Amino acid sequence: MALLAASAAACASDVPEAKWGNGLLPDAITQQGETVTSLWNGAWIAALATGAVVIGLIIWACLFHTRRRAKAELPPQVRYNLPIEMLYTLVPLVMVSVFFFFTARDSEALTHVSGDAKVKVKVEAFQWSWRFTTTVDGKETKPVAGMPVSDYQQGPQLVLPAGEKVEFELQTDDVIHSFWVPEFLFKRDIIPGIPEDSPGRKFEITTLDKRGVYAGRCAELCGVDHSRMLFSVKLVDKQEFDQYVASNQAESAQ
């Protein structure tokens, strides 16, 4: 699977490079993405350590607890051994509890919305493109809408400031879509009919200082042009973002 993922990344221009140091995840461009990377790598380390212990015990049992042809008796048995049976029960329980704790902690961090972000983006998904409306300090900019395209660079572009907190509100009126920027390292479904005040419509990120243009797409099969429901996210410094906002407000006013 790892080789397949690496091969796929090499064949498509809009697929980010998988990094071995990140567990074959791309570099995150948000603090929340770094949280996902940490959880992902921790899970892999724990899984590999558990696998190594299990394989070691299997090999040890095969080498030292196998019935010898020259001997008629069975090797020592461990049935009804209370300490060992307690160990079999407690160790998996502790492992599952640890996994649950870190997963619950990071899930809460990913879904937390502080409500104090200066930059807010309304994401409207429709068959088969996107409309982005950015509000900065209560001032709304001109919406950016797109149409189905074959190259994400031709789709609608969402401009965001680097190193800033951004709140997203998701909306759709037709079918289920999914807002996905791979470098965010998580995606959010956009489900029609969710009330405006529902927490399921909002999420929050804090962008890192990694300026550039990143591909985005719908990750939920939503119809005939689903594969062409592409967009891009451009991270810029504060000065360029302020100029972008001022320009779009001016166009809107005219």
Protein backbone atom coordinates (compact mmCIF):
# COMPACT_ATOMS: atom_id res chain seq x y z
CA MET A 1 0.00 0.00 0.00
CA ALA A 2 2.85 2.38 0.83
CA LEU A 3 4.49 1.72 -2.55
CA LEU A 4 1.15 2.23 -4.30
CA ALA A 5 0.61 5.54 -2.52
CA ALA A 6 4.09 6.73 -3.43
CA SER A 7 3.58 5.68 -7.07
CA ALA A 8 0.22 7.46 -7.27
CA ALA A 9 1.79 10.62 -5.85
CA ALA A 10 4.40 10.54 -8.58
CA CYS A 11 1.79 10.23 -11.37
CA ALA A 12 -0.62 13.06 -10.55
CA SER A 13 0.28 16.75 -10.46
CA ASP A 14 -2.32 17.60 -7.82
CA VAL A 15 -1.30 14.86 -5.38
CA PRO A 16 1.15 16.11 -2.71
CA GLU A 17 4.44 14.35 -2.12
CA ALA A 18 4.23 11.61 0.51
CA LYS A 19 7.01 11.93 3.10
CA TRP A 20 8.45 8.84 4.79
CA GLY A 21 9.17 10.88 7.90
CA ASN A 22 5.45 11.69 8.13
CA GLY A 23 4.31 8.10 7.76
CA LEU A 24 3.73 8.67 4.01
CA LEU A 25 1.59 11.75 4.71
CA PRO A 26 2.38 15.09 3.02
CA ASP A 27 3.74 18.02 4.99
CA ALA A 28 0.93 19.73 6.90
CA ILE A 29 0.16 23.41 6.27
CA THR A 30 -1.95 23.83 9.41
CA GLN A 31 -1.45 23.24 13.12
CA GLN A 32 -4.35 20.80 13.01
CA GLY A 33 -2.54 18.86 10.29
CA GLU A 34 0.49 18.54 12.54
CA THR A 35 -1.81 17.09 15.21
CA VAL A 36 -3.02 14.48 12.72
CA THR A 37 0.56 13.64 11.73
CA SER A 38 1.55 13.15 15.36
CA LEU A 39 -1.43 10.84 16.02
CA TRP A 40 -0.82 8.90 12.81
CA ASN A 41 2.87 8.32 13.51
CA GLY A 42 2.20 7.43 17.14
CA ALA A 43 -0.35 4.82 16.03
CA TRP A 44 2.14 3.33 13.58
CA ILE A 45 4.90 3.18 16.19
CA ALA A 46 2.59 1.47 18.68
CA ALA A 47 1.32 -0.96 16.03
CA LEU A 48 4.82 -1.88 14.86
CA ALA A 49 6.03 -2.35 18.45
CA THR A 50 3.03 -4.58 19.21
CA GLY A 51 3.64 -6.58 16.03
CA ALA A 52 7.31 -7.04 16.89
CA VAL A 53 6.43 -8.35 20.36
CA VAL A 54 3.79 -10.75 18.99
CA ILE A 55 6.11 -12.08 16.28
CA GLY A 56 8.88 -12.47 18.85
CA LEU A 57 6.60 -14.48 21.16
CA ILE A 58 5.49 -16.70 18.26
CA ILE A 59 9.10 -17.43 17.30
CA TRP A 60 10.03 -18.04 20.93
CA ALA A 61 7.11 -20.47 21.35
CA CYS A 62 8.04 -22.30 18.15
CA LEU A 63 11.66 -22.70 19.20
CA PHE A 64 11.36 -23.52 22.87
CA HIS A 65 7.85 -24.90 23.38
CA THR A 66 7.55 -27.41 20.58
CA ARG A 67 6.94 -31.06 21.32
CA ARG A 68 10.11 -33.04 20.64
CA ARG A 69 9.92 -36.24 18.69
CA ALA A 70 12.17 -37.99 21.19
CA LYS A 71 9.85 -37.08 24.06
CA ALA A 72 6.30 -38.30 24.53
CA GLU A 73 5.23 -35.69 27.03
CA LEU A 74 3.82 -32.31 26.13
CA PRO A 75 5.82 -29.17 26.87
CA PRO A 76 4.76 -27.13 29.93
CA GLN A 77 1.24 -25.71 29.50
CA VAL A 78 0.00 -22.33 30.68
CA ARG A 79 -3.73 -23.04 30.87
CA TYR A 80 -5.42 -21.86 34.06
CA ASN A 81 -2.35 -19.77 34.90
CA LEU A 82 -4.04 -16.80 36.55
CA PRO A 83 -1.14 -14.28 36.33
CA ILE A 84 -0.63 -14.97 32.61
CA GLU A 85 -4.36 -14.83 31.84
CA MET A 86 -4.60 -11.52 33.70
CA LEU A 87 -1.68 -10.26 31.62
CA TYR A 88 -3.47 -11.31 28.42
CA THR A 89 -6.48 -9.27 29.50
CA LEU A 90 -4.88 -6.19 31.03
CA VAL A 91 -2.25 -5.46 28.38
CA PRO A 92 -4.77 -5.15 25.48
CA LEU A 93 -7.09 -3.15 27.74
CA VAL A 94 -4.32 -0.68 28.55
CA MET A 95 -3.34 -0.43 24.89
CA VAL A 96 -6.90 0.27 23.72
CA SER A 97 -7.35 2.83 26.51
CA VAL A 98 -4.19 4.67 25.46
CA PHE A 99 -5.28 4.68 21.80
CA PHE A 100 -8.73 5.95 22.81
CA PHE A 101 -7.31 8.73 24.97
CA PHE A 102 -5.05 10.21 22.28
CA THR A 103 -7.68 9.77 19.55
CA ALA A 104 -10.37 11.48 21.65
CA ARG A 105 -7.99 14.27 22.64
CA ASP A 106 -6.94 15.02 19.06
CA SER A 107 -10.49 14.66 17.70
CA GLU A 108 -11.64 17.30 20.16
CA ALA A 109 -8.81 19.60 19.07
CA LEU A 110 -9.72 19.14 15.39
CA THR A 111 -13.39 19.94 15.94
CA HIS A 112 -12.86 22.86 18.34
CA VAL A 113 -14.10 26.23 17.05
CA SER A 114 -13.04 29.19 19.20
CA GLY A 115 -15.26 31.70 17.39
CA ASP A 116 -12.67 34.48 17.56
CA ALA A 117 -11.07 34.05 14.12
CA LYS A 118 -10.69 37.33 12.25
CA VAL A 119 -10.83 35.51 8.91
CA LYS A 120 -13.99 33.56 8.17
CA VAL A 121 -14.76 31.66 4.98
CA LYS A 122 -18.16 30.50 3.82
CA VAL A 123 -17.74 27.43 1.62
CA GLU A 124 -20.70 26.66 -0.64
CA ALA A 125 -20.47 23.36 -2.49
CA PHE A 126 -22.68 22.61 -5.48
CA GLN A 127 -22.72 20.26 -8.43
CA TRP A 128 -19.93 20.57 -9.46
CA SER A 129 -17.79 23.36 -8.09
CA TRP A 130 -17.35 25.76 -5.19
CA ARG A 131 -18.16 29.28 -4.06
CA PHE A 132 -15.91 30.92 -1.45
CA THR A 133 -16.92 34.07 0.42
CA THR A 134 -14.29 35.49 2.77
CA THR A 135 -15.09 37.83 5.65
CA VAL A 136 -12.27 39.73 7.38
CA ASP A 137 -13.05 41.65 10.57
CA GLY A 138 -16.72 41.65 9.62
CA LYS A 139 -16.15 42.98 6.09
CA GLU A 140 -17.24 40.63 3.32
CA THR A 141 -15.26 40.28 0.09
CA LYS A 142 -16.49 39.44 -3.39
CA PRO A 143 -17.42 35.72 -3.67
CA VAL A 144 -15.15 33.50 -5.75
CA ALA A 145 -17.13 30.90 -7.71
CA GLY A 146 -16.01 28.25 -10.15
CA MET A 147 -17.12 25.60 -12.60
CA PRO A 148 -16.00 22.02 -13.29
CA VAL A 149 -12.37 21.90 -14.46
CA SER A 150 -9.75 19.27 -15.22
CA ASP A 151 -6.87 21.18 -13.58
CA TYR A 152 -7.14 22.48 -10.04
CA GLN A 153 -5.23 25.64 -11.01
CA GLN A 154 -8.13 26.58 -13.30
CA GLY A 155 -10.71 26.18 -10.54
CA PRO A 156 -11.79 28.77 -7.96
CA GLN A 157 -8.96 29.89 -5.68
CA LEU A 158 -9.32 30.51 -1.97
CA VAL A 159 -6.71 32.99 -0.70
CA LEU A 160 -5.77 32.65 2.99
CA PRO A 161 -3.20 34.41 5.20
CA ALA A 162 -0.26 32.38 6.50
CA GLY A 163 0.08 32.09 10.26
CA GLU A 164 -3.53 33.07 10.96
CA LYS A 165 -6.62 31.45 12.45
CA VAL A 166 -9.37 30.79 9.89
CA GLU A 167 -12.94 29.66 10.55
CA PHE A 168 -14.88 27.78 7.87
CA GLU A 169 -18.63 27.42 7.48
CA LEU A 170 -19.80 24.68 5.11
CA GLN A 171 -23.03 24.71 3.13
CA THR A 172 -24.68 22.84 0.27
CA ASP A 173 -28.22 22.69 -1.11
CA ASP A 174 -28.02 19.63 -3.36
CA VAL A 175 -26.10 16.46 -2.34
CA ILE A 176 -23.36 15.49 0.09
CA HIS A 177 -19.93 16.88 -0.79
CA SER A 178 -16.64 16.79 1.11
CA PHE A 179 -14.19 19.68 1.47
CA TRP A 180 -10.67 18.27 1.19
CA VAL A 181 -7.28 19.92 0.96
CA PRO A 182 -4.78 17.02 1.30
CA GLU A 183 -2.23 19.20 3.14
CA PHE A 184 -4.84 19.91 5.83
CA LEU A 185 -4.60 16.14 6.55
CA PHE A 186 -8.32 15.91 7.28
CA LYS A 187 -11.54 16.52 5.39
CA ARG A 188 -15.04 17.65 6.33
CA ASP A 189 -18.30 16.43 4.84
CA ILE A 190 -20.80 19.05 3.64
CA ILE A 191 -24.28 17.70 4.24
CA PRO A 192 -27.46 19.43 3.07
CA GLY A 193 -30.09 20.31 5.62
CA ILE A 194 -27.83 20.95 8.63
CA PRO A 195 -29.08 24.03 10.56
CA GLU A 196 -26.97 27.18 10.42
CA ASP A 197 -26.18 27.14 14.15
CA SER A 198 -25.09 23.49 14.14
CA PRO A 199 -21.42 22.83 15.03
CA GLY A 200 -21.34 20.27 12.22
CA ARG A 201 -21.20 23.12 9.71
CA LYS A 202 -18.05 24.74 11.08
CA PHE A 203 -14.39 23.96 11.65
CA GLU A 204 -11.28 25.98 12.34
CA ILE A 205 -7.64 25.86 11.28
CA THR A 206 -4.50 27.80 12.08
CA THR A 207 -2.36 28.07 8.97
CA LEU A 208 1.42 27.67 9.12
CA ASP A 209 3.92 29.93 7.39
CA LYS A 210 4.12 27.73 4.31
CA ARG A 211 3.21 30.02 1.48
CA GLY A 212 2.22 28.42 -1.80
CA VAL A 213 -0.68 27.07 -3.85
CA TYR A 214 -2.28 23.78 -2.78
CA ALA A 215 -4.82 21.61 -4.57
CA GLY A 216 -8.26 20.89 -3.19
CA ARG A 217 -11.13 18.67 -4.29
CA CYS A 218 -14.42 17.09 -3.33
CA ALA A 219 -13.81 13.76 -1.61
CA GLU A 220 -17.40 12.48 -1.76
CA LEU A 221 -18.83 10.97 -4.96
CA CYS A 222 -21.45 13.58 -5.84
CA GLY A 223 -22.35 13.04 -9.47
CA VAL A 224 -21.11 12.88 -13.03
CA ASP A 225 -18.52 15.70 -12.75
CA HIS A 226 -17.31 14.83 -9.26
CA SER A 227 -13.72 14.33 -10.48
CA ARG A 228 -13.70 17.87 -11.92
CA MET A 229 -14.84 19.54 -8.71
CA LEU A 230 -11.40 21.03 -8.12
CA PHE A 231 -10.15 24.20 -6.45
CA SER A 232 -6.96 25.62 -4.97
CA VAL A 233 -5.89 27.23 -1.72
CA LYS A 234 -3.23 29.93 -1.84
CA LEU A 235 -1.35 30.81 1.35
CA VAL A 236 0.14 34.31 1.26
CA ASP A 237 1.80 36.63 3.76
CA LYS A 238 -0.27 39.20 5.67
CA GLN A 239 0.63 42.13 3.43
CA GLU A 240 -0.41 40.31 0.25
CA PHE A 241 -3.59 39.06 1.92
CA ASP A 242 -4.53 42.59 3.02
CA GLN A 243 -4.00 43.81 -0.54
CA TYR A 244 -6.15 40.98 -1.87
CA VAL A 245 -8.96 41.79 0.58
CA ALA A 246 -8.82 45.53 -0.18
CA SER A 247 -8.90 44.87 -3.92
CA ASN A 248 -11.85 42.51 -3.72
CA GLN A 249 -13.77 44.85 -1.42
CA ALA A 250 -13.16 47.69 -3.86
CA GLU A 251 -14.45 45.62 -6.80
CA SER A 252 -17.46 44.62 -4.74
CA ALA A 253 -18.21 48.25 -3.87
CA GLN A 254 -18.04 49.29 -7.51
